[in-house]
C-alpha atoms as a PDB file:
ATOM      1  CA  MET A   1       0.000   0.000   0.000  1.00  0.00           C
ATOM      2  CA  ILE A   2       1.221   3.489  -0.795  1.00  0.00           C
ATOM      3  CA  VAL A   3       0.633   4.782   2.718  1.00  0.00           C
ATOM      4  CA  ASP A   4       2.754   1.977   4.198  1.00  0.00           C
ATOM      5  CA  ARG A   5       5.679   2.940   1.986  1.00  0.00           C
ATOM      6  CA  LEU A   6       5.338   6.618   2.894  1.00  0.00           C
ATOM      7  CA  VAL A   7       5.170   5.866   6.613  1.00  0.00           C
ATOM      8  CA  GLU A   8       8.263   3.658   6.397  1.00  0.00           C
ATOM      9  CA  LYS A   9      10.203   6.576   4.876  1.00  0.00           C
ATOM     10  CA  LEU A  10       9.465   8.662   7.974  1.00  0.00           C
ATOM     11  CA  HIS A  11      12.071   8.367  10.671  1.00  0.00           C
ATOM     12  CA  LEU A  12       9.771   7.193  13.447  1.00  0.00           C
ATOM     13  CA  ARG A  13      10.966   4.536  15.851  1.00  0.00           C
ATOM     14  CA  SER A  14       7.766   3.803  17.727  1.00  0.00           C
ATOM     15  CA  ASN A  15       5.141   1.542  16.176  1.00  0.00           C
ATOM     16  CA  PHE A  16       2.494   3.645  17.901  1.00  0.00           C
ATOM     17  CA  MET A  17       3.692   6.812  16.169  1.00  0.00           C
ATOM     18  CA  LYS A  18       3.843   4.994  12.842  1.00  0.00           C
ATOM     19  CA  SER A  19       0.242   3.913  13.362  1.00  0.00           C
ATOM     20  CA  ILE A  20      -0.838   7.483  14.185  1.00  0.00           C
ATOM     21  CA  ALA A  21       1.016   8.958  11.195  1.00  0.00           C
ATOM     22  CA  GLY A  22      -0.359   6.282   8.870  1.00  0.00           C
ATOM     23  CA  SER A  23      -3.900   6.842  10.087  1.00  0.00           C
ATOM     24  CA  ILE A  24      -3.653  10.581   9.520  1.00  0.00           C
ATOM     25  CA  LEU A  25      -2.097  10.106   6.092  1.00  0.00           C
ATOM     26  CA  THR A  26      -4.752   7.565   5.099  1.00  0.00           C
ATOM     27  CA  ALA A  27      -7.556   9.874   6.205  1.00  0.00           C
ATOM     28  CA  LEU A  28      -6.076  12.773   4.242  1.00  0.00           C
ATOM     29  CA  VAL A  29      -5.597  10.710   1.093  1.00  0.00           C
ATOM     30  CA  ILE A  30      -9.157   9.380   1.187  1.00  0.00           C
ATOM     31  CA  ALA A  31     -10.831  12.711   1.985  1.00  0.00           C
ATOM     32  CA  LEU A  32      -8.828  14.827  -0.452  1.00  0.00           C
ATOM     33  CA  GLY A  33      -8.969  12.198  -3.179  1.00  0.00           C
ATOM     34  CA  MET A  34     -12.723  11.844  -2.860  1.00  0.00           C
ATOM     35  CA  ALA A  35     -13.203  15.632  -2.868  1.00  0.00           C
ATOM     36  CA  GLY A  36     -10.986  15.968  -5.945  1.00  0.00           C
ATOM     37  CA  ILE A  37     -12.779  13.249  -7.882  1.00  0.00           C
ATOM     38  CA  LEU A  38     -16.176  14.698  -7.004  1.00  0.00           C
ATOM     39  CA  LYS A  39     -15.012  18.166  -8.069  1.00  0.00           C
ATOM     40  CA  LEU A  40     -13.659  16.733 -11.326  1.00  0.00           C
ATOM     41  CA  PHE A  41     -17.080  15.342 -12.229  1.00  0.00           C
ATOM     42  CA  SER A  42     -18.955  18.435 -10.922  1.00  0.00           C
ATOM     43  CA  PHE A  43     -20.823  16.344  -8.378  1.00  0.00           C
ATOM     44  CA  SER A  44     -21.669  17.905  -5.049  1.00  0.00           C
ATOM     45  CA  ILE A  45     -22.397  16.159  -1.777  1.00  0.00           C
ATOM     46  CA  ASN A  46     -22.346  17.143   1.855  1.00  0.00           C
ATOM     47  CA  PRO A  47     -18.717  18.040   2.779  1.00  0.00           C
ATOM     48  CA  ALA A  48     -18.920  15.820   5.848  1.00  0.00           C
ATOM     49  CA  VAL A  49     -19.100  12.635   3.750  1.00  0.00           C
ATOM     50  CA  PRO A  50     -15.440  12.656   2.575  1.00  0.00           C
ATOM     51  CA  ALA A  51     -14.315  13.588   6.085  1.00  0.00           C
ATOM     52  CA  VAL A  52     -16.248  10.716   7.642  1.00  0.00           C
ATOM     53  CA  LEU A  53     -15.025   8.197   5.085  1.00  0.00           C
ATOM     54  CA  GLY A  54     -11.473   9.435   5.616  1.00  0.00           C
ATOM     55  CA  ALA A  55     -11.820   9.006   9.377  1.00  0.00           C
ATOM     56  CA  VAL A  56     -13.179   5.493   8.908  1.00  0.00           C
ATOM     57  CA  GLY A  57     -10.279   4.665   6.584  1.00  0.00           C
ATOM     58  CA  GLY A  58      -7.805   5.979   9.140  1.00  0.00           C
ATOM     59  CA  ALA A  59      -9.385   3.875  11.877  1.00  0.00           C
ATOM     60  CA  ILE A  60      -9.253   0.785   9.687  1.00  0.00           C
ATOM     61  CA  TYR A  61      -5.583   1.436   8.928  1.00  0.00           C
ATOM     62  CA  ALA A  62      -4.818   1.715  12.643  1.00  0.00           C
ATOM     63  CA  ALA A  63      -6.719  -1.485  13.385  1.00  0.00           C
ATOM     64  CA  VAL A  64      -4.989  -3.461  10.641  1.00  0.00           C
ATOM     65  CA  THR A  65      -1.455  -2.296  11.439  1.00  0.00           C
ATOM     66  CA  ARG A  66      -1.761  -2.703  15.221  1.00  0.00           C
ATOM     67  CA  LYS A  67       0.990  -4.971  16.500  1.00  0.00           C
END
């Protein structure tokens, strides 16, 4: 996954901090990507939807990478 590779390039020693950084990065990628795609196709939805889906994606990332 792209986020895993980006998190590994960060110089973080703690697995907890890697999980936090990966969750934040995943949430940003999902929310901004969804907003960009919707803007590209001139489709409007409530702005909370990409934020919520990004938060869910970040939580899933944290749950999957927990060690």
